[in-house]
């Protein structure tokens, strides 16, 4: 007797179809799971056996073979428990053989028959819907899976309730999608006194989605400004919300199906490894750069991060995705982030000027800032040198303009970018990601502006990548002013925020 049910295996945020086939044959009493399963999947047979015992069922004295096809696709995780158990029950006649037609299933079993929540309910539901199937998932994962739209969802609490549903003794109602919750209250830019130049750079970065670096002594407000960037950004759009939520679902960060339109803000410690930043580990989980997808990744104390870990971010910052390579497969995670970094002028913090100046300057500065590679710095659009905050700054009353006023200007600038993208049939209209012919069309430099940019390139102040990023930055500055064309003054301000391509320079070019 053989029975089958559909489930999924996760490759990044993609859920690939897996057919669970169970066959009962004569022979020695043994329960075998085949199909390139990891240890968690291999242990499913004991959890299934225990769950059956909790229901008062026993496995027959036959050879039970559970095949997870395709056999060459790696299978990881405990979410294979439920589909294996359902296929065994169908083979035993506990539920009708055709009851599983049109359904996929995921879920972990406890030894008393309860169905425990698992990560990845949302991408699993999306994949099931794409295959024309419904999804059976744990009750706790039902509100998350229900966000998949028209996909049919069954979310039983235990195997008993699911058996009763298939037998017609109890009808399970489809779960409702979880709530849209407010994120943490955004911190107001009004709390930051002084540093008007840095605030201007923060506004430009928010308006165009540009990467940003703050350089200054301790206490100058670098972290405060970075923490206020999410409050200047618009909420996630519907498509961005779905993309971001699928990453968080695979990482197990969605509780009871509650989603938020607040943009992610991730701030890993400088001791984070390359796998923690870009993804990897035993099960190739998403890293911080993917968990910040469509949001902000803040790297404080930038030179203190490992050189290899930092350089692993270079490709994601360019392509907007991470490729985690394994010997027998590759996993792709989205990683379209806005990078904000902060660093001190040197290890002691104060650099070679002002009160408490480093006695080893400029050698100390060159060595410390040289830990960040030139190619990494070249991917940062704006670099801002922040002086120490003075007592006169601190004694001033709070500034009249806060996050609400700046966010309104950012929203207007982004609306201009969106309108341009729609008019030119561009997929992504954000200036920080514009490239190629689209970038040339939206900038359309006049002779004076192009001459200034050419002069900077010939002087070695910007690289070929820097040329593109300067154009993007100038376009954003023009958008904030409502200017239709990019002019010389916009290019001049953009160049002022660019660093030279010489590692170790401590001030913007």
Protein backbone atom coordinates (compact mmCIF):
# COMPACT_ATOMS: atom_id res chain seq x y z
CA UNK A 1 0.00 0.00 0.00
CA UNK A 2 1.42 3.42 -0.97
CA UNK A 3 0.26 6.98 -0.31
CA UNK A 4 1.72 10.40 -1.09
CA UNK A 5 1.40 14.06 -0.10
CA UNK A 6 3.16 17.24 -1.25
CA UNK A 7 5.44 19.32 0.95
CA UNK A 8 8.27 21.79 0.28
CA UNK A 9 12.01 22.19 0.82
CA UNK A 10 13.39 25.69 1.28
CA UNK A 11 16.16 27.13 -0.88
CA UNK A 12 16.55 30.61 0.48
CA UNK A 13 13.11 32.20 0.33
CA UNK A 14 12.04 29.86 -2.45
CA UNK A 15 10.02 26.77 -1.57
CA UNK A 16 10.57 23.85 -3.93
CA UNK A 17 8.09 21.00 -4.31
CA UNK A 18 8.84 17.72 -2.57
CA UNK A 19 6.63 14.62 -2.91
CA UNK A 20 6.47 12.46 0.21
CA UNK A 21 5.74 8.87 -0.80
CA UNK A 22 5.10 6.21 1.86
CA UNK A 23 4.97 2.52 1.07
CA UNK A 24 4.15 -0.41 3.40
CA UNK A 25 5.74 -3.73 2.42
CA UNK A 26 6.32 -7.07 4.03
CA UNK A 27 9.62 -7.63 5.72
CA UNK A 28 11.42 -6.68 8.91
CA UNK A 29 9.64 -4.06 11.03
CA UNK A 30 11.60 -0.89 10.22
CA UNK A 31 10.86 2.76 9.42
CA UNK A 32 13.20 4.20 6.79
CA UNK A 33 13.35 7.76 5.40
CA UNK A 34 15.26 8.22 2.14
CA UNK A 35 15.86 11.20 -0.14
CA UNK A 36 18.96 13.13 1.00
CA UNK A 37 17.50 14.01 4.40
CA UNK A 38 19.47 15.72 7.17
CA UNK A 39 19.48 14.56 10.79
CA UNK A 40 16.37 16.56 11.75
CA UNK A 41 14.40 14.88 8.96
CA UNK A 42 15.81 11.43 9.80
CA UNK A 43 14.59 11.90 13.38
CA UNK A 44 11.06 12.46 12.07
CA UNK A 45 10.39 8.74 12.29
CA UNK A 46 10.71 8.86 16.08
CA UNK A 47 8.52 11.94 16.40
CA UNK A 48 5.91 10.35 14.11
CA UNK A 49 6.07 7.13 16.13
CA UNK A 50 5.65 9.06 19.39
CA UNK A 51 2.78 11.18 17.99
CA UNK A 52 0.98 8.04 16.85
CA UNK A 53 1.42 6.52 20.31
CA UNK A 54 -0.06 9.68 21.80
CA UNK A 55 -3.15 9.12 19.65
CA UNK A 56 -3.43 5.48 20.61
CA UNK A 57 -2.19 4.31 17.21
CA UNK A 58 0.68 1.97 16.53
CA UNK A 59 2.74 1.45 13.42
CA UNK A 60 2.15 -1.88 11.70
CA UNK A 61 4.68 -4.70 11.84
CA UNK A 62 5.80 -3.98 8.30
CA UNK A 63 8.61 -2.28 6.49
CA UNK A 64 7.74 1.42 6.11
CA UNK A 65 9.68 3.41 3.52
CA UNK A 66 9.18 7.18 3.24
CA UNK A 67 10.71 8.58 0.06
CA UNK A 68 11.27 12.32 -0.29
CA UNK A 69 11.43 13.08 -4.00
CA UNK A 70 13.37 14.43 -5.82
CA UNK A 71 16.08 12.39 -4.16
CA UNK A 72 18.94 14.74 -5.10
CA UNK A 73 17.40 17.82 -3.44
CA UNK A 74 18.72 18.37 0.13
CA UNK A 75 15.96 18.21 2.77
CA UNK A 76 16.42 20.09 6.05
CA UNK A 77 14.21 20.84 9.02
CA UNK A 78 11.48 19.33 11.18
CA UNK A 79 8.61 20.58 8.97
CA UNK A 80 8.64 17.21 7.16
CA UNK A 81 7.07 15.52 10.24
CA UNK A 82 3.47 16.33 9.34
CA UNK A 83 3.55 15.30 5.67
CA UNK A 84 5.28 12.01 6.56
CA UNK A 85 2.68 11.33 9.27
CA UNK A 86 -0.21 12.17 6.91
CA UNK A 87 1.13 9.86 4.21
CA UNK A 88 1.55 7.03 6.76
CA UNK A 89 -2.02 7.54 8.01
CA UNK A 90 -3.36 7.48 4.46
CA UNK A 91 -1.45 4.26 3.76
CA UNK A 92 -2.89 2.73 6.95
CA UNK A 93 -6.43 3.85 6.10
CA UNK A 94 -6.72 6.16 9.13
CA UNK A 95 -7.75 8.94 6.72
CA UNK A 96 -9.20 8.46 3.22
CA UNK A 97 -6.56 7.89 0.57
CA UNK A 98 -7.85 10.78 -1.55
CA UNK A 99 -8.12 13.21 1.38
CA UNK A 100 -4.66 14.59 0.69
CA UNK A 101 -5.31 15.34 -2.97
CA UNK A 102 -4.96 19.07 -3.56
CA UNK A 103 -3.00 19.73 -0.38
CA UNK A 104 0.59 20.41 0.64
CA UNK A 105 1.63 20.14 4.29
CA UNK A 106 4.32 21.40 6.68
CA UNK A 107 4.58 21.06 10.44
CA UNK A 108 6.57 19.59 13.31
CA UNK A 109 5.00 16.98 15.59
CA UNK A 110 5.25 16.75 19.34
CA UNK A 111 5.08 13.38 21.07
CA UNK A 112 1.47 13.95 22.20
CA UNK A 113 0.22 14.62 18.65
CA UNK A 114 0.21 18.41 18.70
CA UNK A 115 1.39 20.19 15.54
CA UNK A 116 4.13 22.67 16.41
CA UNK A 117 4.88 25.90 14.50
CA UNK A 118 7.68 25.97 11.94
CA UNK A 119 9.53 28.67 10.04
CA UNK A 120 8.67 29.39 6.41
CA UNK A 121 4.86 29.19 6.47
CA UNK A 122 4.45 32.23 4.20
CA UNK A 123 6.78 31.09 1.34
CA UNK A 124 5.34 27.57 1.69
CA UNK A 125 1.81 28.93 1.25
CA UNK A 126 2.92 31.03 -1.73
CA UNK A 127 4.50 27.96 -3.34
CA UNK A 128 1.43 25.82 -2.64
CA UNK A 129 -0.81 28.42 -4.26
CA UNK A 130 1.47 28.54 -7.31
CA UNK A 131 1.07 24.75 -7.63
CA UNK A 132 -2.71 25.01 -7.35
CA UNK A 133 -2.71 23.41 -3.89
CA UNK A 134 -3.88 24.36 -0.44
CA UNK A 135 -1.57 24.26 2.60
CA UNK A 136 -1.95 22.33 5.84
CA UNK A 137 0.18 24.00 8.52
CA UNK A 138 0.27 24.34 12.33
CA UNK A 139 -2.41 26.44 14.00
CA UNK A 140 0.19 28.96 15.20
CA UNK A 141 1.48 29.37 11.63
CA UNK A 142 -1.99 29.77 10.09
CA UNK A 143 -2.27 33.59 10.40
CA UNK A 144 1.12 33.92 8.68
CA UNK A 145 0.24 31.50 5.86
CA UNK A 146 -3.08 33.28 5.33
CA UNK A 147 -1.17 36.30 3.97
CA UNK A 148 -0.59 34.25 0.81
CA UNK A 149 -3.86 35.52 -0.65
CA UNK A 150 -6.17 33.03 -2.33
CA UNK A 151 -4.33 29.90 -1.16
CA UNK A 152 -6.57 27.59 0.88
CA UNK A 153 -5.22 27.14 4.41
CA UNK A 154 -5.95 24.48 7.03
CA UNK A 155 -4.37 25.16 10.41
CA UNK A 156 -5.13 22.31 12.86
CA UNK A 157 -3.87 22.30 16.42
CA UNK A 158 -3.23 18.55 16.50
CA UNK A 159 -3.35 15.40 14.43
CA UNK A 160 -6.67 14.49 16.09
CA UNK A 161 -8.42 17.63 14.83
CA UNK A 162 -6.98 17.10 11.36
CA UNK A 163 -8.15 13.45 11.26
CA UNK A 164 -11.62 14.53 12.39
CA UNK A 165 -11.69 17.18 9.66
CA UNK A 166 -10.86 14.69 6.93
CA UNK A 167 -13.44 12.24 8.29
CA UNK A 168 -16.11 14.96 8.39
CA UNK A 169 -16.55 14.86 12.17
CA UNK A 170 -15.12 18.36 12.64
CA UNK A 171 -14.78 21.19 10.15
CA UNK A 172 -11.75 23.46 10.50
CA UNK A 173 -12.32 27.10 9.59
CA UNK A 174 -9.62 28.83 7.51
CA UNK A 175 -7.45 31.15 9.58
CA UNK A 176 -7.54 34.92 9.14
CA UNK A 177 -4.34 36.79 8.25
CA UNK A 178 -2.41 38.18 11.19
CA UNK A 179 -2.54 41.86 12.06
CA UNK A 180 -0.51 44.71 10.62
CA UNK A 181 1.28 46.05 13.68
CA UNK A 182 3.12 49.27 14.27
CA UNK A 183 6.88 49.01 14.52
CA UNK A 184 8.87 50.59 17.30
CA UNK A 185 8.26 54.29 17.64
CA UNK A 186 10.62 56.13 15.31
CA UNK A 187 13.19 58.34 17.00
CA UNK A 188 12.88 62.02 16.14
CA UNK A 189 15.57 64.01 14.38
CA UNK A 190 14.68 66.89 16.68
CA UNK A 191 16.68 65.15 19.43
CA UNK A 192 19.95 65.80 17.56
CA UNK A 193 21.49 69.19 18.28
CA UNK A 194 23.98 70.69 15.87
CA UNK A 195 25.47 68.60 13.03
CA UNK A 196 23.39 70.36 10.37
CA UNK A 197 25.75 69.16 7.63
CA UNK A 198 25.24 65.54 8.73
CA UNK A 199 21.47 66.01 8.88
CA UNK A 200 21.51 67.27 5.32
CA UNK A 201 23.43 64.18 4.23
CA UNK A 202 20.96 61.95 6.09
CA UNK A 203 18.06 63.59 4.25
CA UNK A 204 19.74 63.09 0.88
CA UNK A 205 20.48 59.45 1.72
CA UNK A 206 16.86 58.86 2.71
CA UNK A 207 15.49 60.53 -0.41
CA UNK A 208 17.52 58.44 -2.85
CA UNK A 209 18.32 55.25 -0.94
CA UNK A 210 22.05 56.01 -0.86
CA UNK A 211 24.72 54.41 1.31
CA UNK A 212 26.11 56.71 3.99
CA UNK A 213 29.22 56.91 6.19
CA UNK A 214 29.67 59.08 9.28
CA UNK A 215 33.23 59.80 10.47
CA UNK A 216 33.67 61.55 13.79
CA UNK A 217 34.84 61.29 17.42
CA UNK A 218 32.80 59.52 20.11
CA UNK A 219 29.72 61.46 21.14
CA UNK A 220 29.39 63.41 17.91
CA UNK A 221 25.98 61.86 17.16
CA UNK A 222 26.82 59.23 14.54
CA UNK A 223 24.65 56.47 16.03
CA UNK A 224 21.86 58.91 16.91
CA UNK A 225 21.57 60.02 13.30
CA UNK A 226 21.66 56.45 11.98
CA UNK A 227 18.87 55.40 14.36
CA UNK A 228 16.68 58.20 13.02
CA UNK A 229 16.95 57.21 9.38
CA UNK A 230 14.03 54.70 9.49
CA UNK A 231 11.77 57.52 10.66
CA UNK A 232 12.54 59.45 7.45
CA UNK A 233 11.72 56.56 5.12
CA UNK A 234 8.24 55.82 3.75
CA UNK A 235 6.44 52.63 4.88
CA UNK A 236 6.98 49.42 2.94
CA UNK A 237 4.84 49.06 -0.17
CA UNK A 238 2.70 45.93 -0.56
CA UNK A 239 5.29 44.18 -2.73
CA UNK A 240 8.14 45.19 -0.42
CA UNK A 241 6.16 43.98 2.59
CA UNK A 242 5.72 40.56 0.98
CA UNK A 243 9.41 40.30 0.00
CA UNK A 244 10.62 41.32 3.44
CA UNK A 245 8.13 39.11 5.28
CA UNK A 246 9.19 36.04 3.30
CA UNK A 247 12.79 36.50 4.45
CA UNK A 248 11.67 36.99 8.04
CA UNK A 249 9.40 33.96 7.74
CA UNK A 250 12.28 31.69 6.70
CA UNK A 251 14.31 33.09 9.61
CA UNK A 252 11.42 32.40 12.03
CA UNK A 253 10.98 36.05 13.01
CA UNK A 254 7.22 36.38 12.38
CA UNK A 255 5.11 35.85 15.52
CA UNK A 256 1.46 34.77 15.06
CA UNK A 257 1.37 36.15 11.53
CA UNK A 258 1.88 39.77 12.61
CA UNK A 259 3.50 41.89 9.87
CA UNK A 260 4.69 45.48 9.97
CA UNK A 261 5.15 48.12 7.28
CA UNK A 262 8.03 49.68 9.20
CA UNK A 263 11.27 49.22 7.33
CA UNK A 264 13.74 46.78 8.92
CA UNK A 265 16.63 48.22 10.89
CA UNK A 266 19.47 45.85 11.70
CA UNK A 267 22.56 46.82 13.68
CA UNK A 268 24.89 43.81 14.11
CA UNK A 269 27.82 43.97 16.52
CA UNK A 270 31.26 44.44 15.01
CA UNK A 271 32.22 40.93 16.16
CA UNK A 272 29.72 39.44 13.67
CA UNK A 273 31.19 36.82 11.35
CA UNK A 274 30.91 36.70 7.58
CA UNK A 275 28.15 34.06 7.85
CA UNK A 276 26.24 36.25 10.32
CA UNK A 277 26.39 39.22 7.95
CA UNK A 278 25.71 37.59 4.60
CA UNK A 279 24.09 34.29 5.57
CA UNK A 280 25.28 30.73 5.90
CA UNK A 281 25.99 28.42 8.79
CA UNK A 282 24.79 24.85 9.16
CA UNK A 283 21.42 25.46 7.47
CA UNK A 284 22.40 28.49 5.36
CA UNK A 285 20.06 30.87 7.18
CA UNK A 286 19.68 34.49 6.00
CA UNK A 287 22.25 36.93 7.38
CA UNK A 288 21.87 40.46 8.66
CA UNK A 289 22.08 41.98 5.17
CA UNK A 290 19.07 39.87 4.08
CA UNK A 291 17.12 40.47 7.30
CA UNK A 292 17.52 44.20 6.52
CA UNK A 293 16.10 43.72 2.98
CA UNK A 294 14.21 46.88 1.94
CA UNK A 295 15.47 48.58 5.07
CA UNK A 296 18.59 49.88 6.82
CA UNK A 297 21.76 48.00 7.76
CA UNK A 298 23.79 49.97 10.33
CA UNK A 299 27.42 49.03 10.89
CA UNK A 300 28.84 50.92 13.87
CA UNK A 301 32.60 50.96 14.43
CA UNK A 302 33.12 50.00 10.78
CA UNK A 303 36.92 49.31 10.91
CA UNK A 304 36.39 46.91 13.84
CA UNK A 305 34.50 44.46 11.62
CA UNK A 306 36.60 41.67 10.16
CA UNK A 307 38.12 42.54 6.79
CA UNK A 308 36.72 39.39 5.18
CA UNK A 309 33.27 39.97 6.68
CA UNK A 310 33.16 43.56 5.40
CA UNK A 311 34.33 42.66 1.92
CA UNK A 312 31.65 39.97 1.72
CA UNK A 313 29.12 42.83 1.63
CA UNK A 314 30.58 44.34 -1.54
CA UNK A 315 28.63 42.13 -3.96
CA UNK A 316 25.27 42.43 -2.12
CA UNK A 317 25.58 46.22 -2.09
CA UNK A 318 25.94 46.18 -5.89
CA UNK A 319 23.52 43.41 -6.88
CA UNK A 320 20.92 43.53 -4.10
CA UNK A 321 21.18 39.80 -3.40
CA UNK A 322 23.39 37.26 -1.60
CA UNK A 323 24.49 33.93 -3.02
CA UNK A 324 25.39 31.35 -0.37
CA UNK A 325 27.39 28.58 -2.06
CA UNK A 326 27.51 24.99 -0.87
CA UNK A 327 29.18 21.96 -2.39
CA UNK A 328 25.96 20.58 -3.89
CA UNK A 329 23.65 23.59 -4.10
CA UNK A 330 23.45 27.40 -4.08
CA UNK A 331 21.02 29.51 -2.06
CA UNK A 332 19.98 33.01 -3.07
CA UNK A 333 18.64 35.57 -0.60
CA UNK A 334 17.45 39.10 -1.40
CA UNK A 335 19.63 41.81 0.14
CA UNK A 336 18.58 45.22 -1.18
CA UNK A 337 19.60 47.41 1.74
CA UNK A 338 20.61 50.94 2.53
CA UNK A 339 23.95 50.82 4.31
CA UNK A 340 24.73 53.33 7.05
CA UNK A 341 28.16 53.04 8.66
CA UNK A 342 29.95 54.94 11.39
CA UNK A 343 33.59 55.10 12.39
CA UNK A 344 36.00 57.08 14.54
CA UNK A 345 38.89 58.94 12.90
CA UNK A 346 41.36 56.58 14.62
CA UNK A 347 41.48 53.93 17.33
CA UNK A 348 41.64 56.44 20.19
CA UNK A 349 38.62 58.15 18.70
CA UNK A 350 39.60 61.79 18.36
CA UNK A 351 41.94 61.89 15.38
CA UNK A 352 44.77 64.34 14.93
CA UNK A 353 43.04 67.63 15.67
CA UNK A 354 41.14 69.33 18.44
CA UNK A 355 40.90 68.53 22.11
CA UNK A 356 42.29 65.12 23.04
CA UNK A 357 44.05 64.76 19.69
CA UNK A 358 45.86 61.51 19.03
CA UNK A 359 49.61 61.76 19.61
CA UNK A 360 50.27 59.23 16.85
CA UNK A 361 48.49 61.15 14.10
CA UNK A 362 48.43 60.88 11.15
CA UNK A 363 49.90 57.36 11.20
CA UNK A 364 47.23 56.09 13.60
CA UNK A 365 44.45 57.43 11.36
CA UNK A 366 45.90 55.88 8.21
CA UNK A 367 46.33 52.48 9.86
CA UNK A 368 42.87 52.49 11.46
CA UNK A 369 40.88 53.70 8.46
CA UNK A 370 42.95 51.51 6.15
CA UNK A 371 41.21 48.49 7.65
CA UNK A 372 38.26 49.31 5.39
CA UNK A 373 39.15 48.46 1.80
CA UNK A 374 39.03 51.04 -0.95
CA UNK A 375 36.46 49.06 -3.01
CA UNK A 376 34.19 48.94 0.05
CA UNK A 377 34.45 52.70 0.57
CA UNK A 378 33.79 53.24 -3.14
CA UNK A 379 30.33 51.72 -2.66
CA UNK A 380 29.41 54.40 -0.12
CA UNK A 381 27.73 57.39 -1.78
CA UNK A 382 28.03 59.96 1.01
CA UNK A 383 30.83 60.38 3.54
CA UNK A 384 30.35 63.01 6.23
CA UNK A 385 33.04 64.31 8.57
CA UNK A 386 31.38 65.13 11.91
CA UNK A 387 33.16 67.40 14.39
CA UNK A 388 32.67 67.00 18.12
CA UNK A 389 29.49 68.52 19.55
CA UNK A 390 30.33 71.65 21.56
CA UNK A 391 28.79 72.93 24.76
CA UNK A 392 27.26 75.76 22.76
CA UNK A 393 25.44 73.20 20.57
CA UNK A 394 24.12 71.33 23.60
CA UNK A 395 22.83 74.51 25.25
CA UNK A 396 20.67 75.36 22.24
CA UNK A 397 16.92 74.63 22.36
CA UNK A 398 15.69 71.64 20.31
CA UNK A 399 15.63 72.42 16.58
CA UNK A 400 12.28 73.42 15.13
CA UNK A 401 12.50 70.91 12.29
CA UNK A 402 12.15 67.25 13.18
CA UNK A 403 11.66 63.94 11.42
CA UNK A 404 8.12 64.73 10.25
CA UNK A 405 9.20 67.75 8.20
CA UNK A 406 12.22 65.99 6.69
CA UNK A 407 10.16 62.85 5.95
CA UNK A 408 7.68 64.98 4.01
CA UNK A 409 10.45 66.28 1.73
CA UNK A 410 11.81 62.76 1.35
CA UNK A 411 8.36 61.51 0.34
CA UNK A 412 8.02 64.24 -2.31
CA UNK A 413 11.45 63.43 -3.75
CA UNK A 414 10.65 59.72 -3.87
CA UNK A 415 7.32 60.44 -5.55
CA UNK A 416 9.20 62.29 -8.31
CA UNK A 417 11.47 59.29 -8.76
CA UNK A 418 8.52 56.92 -8.96
CA UNK A 419 6.75 59.06 -11.55
CA UNK A 420 9.93 59.16 -13.65
CA UNK A 421 10.34 55.41 -13.46
CA UNK A 422 6.76 54.80 -14.58
CA UNK A 423 7.15 57.23 -17.48
CA UNK A 424 10.32 55.46 -18.65
CA UNK A 425 9.07 51.91 -17.89
CA UNK A 426 11.84 51.31 -15.34
CA UNK A 427 11.49 48.50 -12.81
CA UNK A 428 13.09 50.37 -9.91
CA UNK A 429 13.04 54.16 -9.96
CA UNK A 430 14.97 54.86 -6.77
CA UNK A 431 17.99 57.02 -7.62
CA UNK A 432 20.33 54.99 -5.43
CA UNK A 433 19.82 51.98 -7.74
CA UNK A 434 19.57 53.71 -11.15
CA UNK A 435 22.03 52.58 -13.78
CA UNK A 436 22.77 52.39 -17.49
CA UNK A 437 20.59 54.18 -20.02
CA UNK A 438 17.96 54.94 -17.39
CA UNK A 439 20.49 56.86 -15.28
CA UNK A 440 21.68 58.83 -18.31
CA UNK A 441 18.11 59.79 -19.21
CA UNK A 442 17.15 61.01 -15.75
CA UNK A 443 20.34 63.05 -15.19
CA UNK A 444 20.87 64.69 -18.63
CA UNK A 445 23.83 66.81 -17.45
CA UNK A 446 24.45 70.18 -19.09
CA UNK A 447 27.94 71.08 -20.32
CA UNK A 448 29.04 72.83 -17.12
CA UNK A 449 27.91 69.99 -14.87
CA UNK A 450 29.53 67.33 -17.07
CA UNK A 451 32.77 69.32 -17.22
CA UNK A 452 32.95 69.45 -13.42
CA UNK A 453 32.34 65.71 -13.12
CA UNK A 454 34.93 64.97 -15.83
CA UNK A 455 37.47 67.17 -14.07
CA UNK A 456 36.95 65.23 -10.80
CA UNK A 457 37.40 61.90 -12.60
CA UNK A 458 40.56 63.03 -14.36
CA UNK A 459 42.00 64.27 -11.08
CA UNK A 460 41.50 60.77 -9.63
CA UNK A 461 38.98 61.87 -7.03
CA UNK A 462 36.36 59.37 -8.24
CA UNK A 463 36.55 55.96 -9.86
CA UNK A 464 34.36 54.65 -12.67
CA UNK A 465 31.94 53.37 -10.03
CA UNK A 466 32.21 56.73 -8.29
CA UNK A 467 31.13 58.46 -11.51
CA UNK A 468 27.86 56.51 -11.51
CA UNK A 469 27.25 57.01 -7.83
CA UNK A 470 27.94 60.75 -8.10
CA UNK A 471 25.35 61.00 -10.88
CA UNK A 472 22.82 59.19 -8.70
CA UNK A 473 23.58 61.46 -5.77
CA UNK A 474 23.31 64.64 -7.86
CA UNK A 475 19.94 63.49 -9.21
CA UNK A 476 18.64 63.04 -5.66
CA UNK A 477 19.86 66.49 -4.60
CA UNK A 478 18.05 67.96 -7.61
CA UNK A 479 14.88 66.05 -6.70
CA UNK A 480 14.91 67.47 -3.17
CA UNK A 481 14.97 70.95 -4.72
CA UNK A 482 12.30 70.03 -7.26
CA UNK A 483 14.70 70.75 -10.16
CA UNK A 484 13.93 69.05 -13.44
CA UNK A 485 17.56 68.91 -14.65
CA UNK A 486 20.77 68.12 -12.79
CA UNK A 487 22.87 71.27 -12.68
CA UNK A 488 26.48 72.07 -11.82
CA UNK A 489 25.60 73.03 -8.24
CA UNK A 490 24.03 69.60 -7.67
CA UNK A 491 27.09 67.82 -9.02
CA UNK A 492 29.36 70.02 -6.87
CA UNK A 493 27.47 69.08 -3.70
CA UNK A 494 27.49 65.41 -4.67
CA UNK A 495 31.26 65.50 -5.20
CA UNK A 496 31.70 67.12 -1.79
CA UNK A 497 30.21 64.00 -0.20
CA UNK A 498 32.37 61.55 -2.15
CA UNK A 499 35.57 60.21 -0.60
CA UNK A 500 38.77 59.95 -2.57
CA UNK A 501 39.69 56.49 -3.81
CA UNK A 502 42.78 56.50 -1.61
CA UNK A 503 42.29 54.28 1.45
CA UNK A 504 42.85 56.02 4.74
CA UNK A 505 41.64 59.50 3.84
CA UNK A 506 39.84 60.85 6.85
CA UNK A 507 37.71 63.58 5.36
CA UNK A 508 35.34 63.78 2.42
CA UNK A 509 36.86 64.71 -0.92
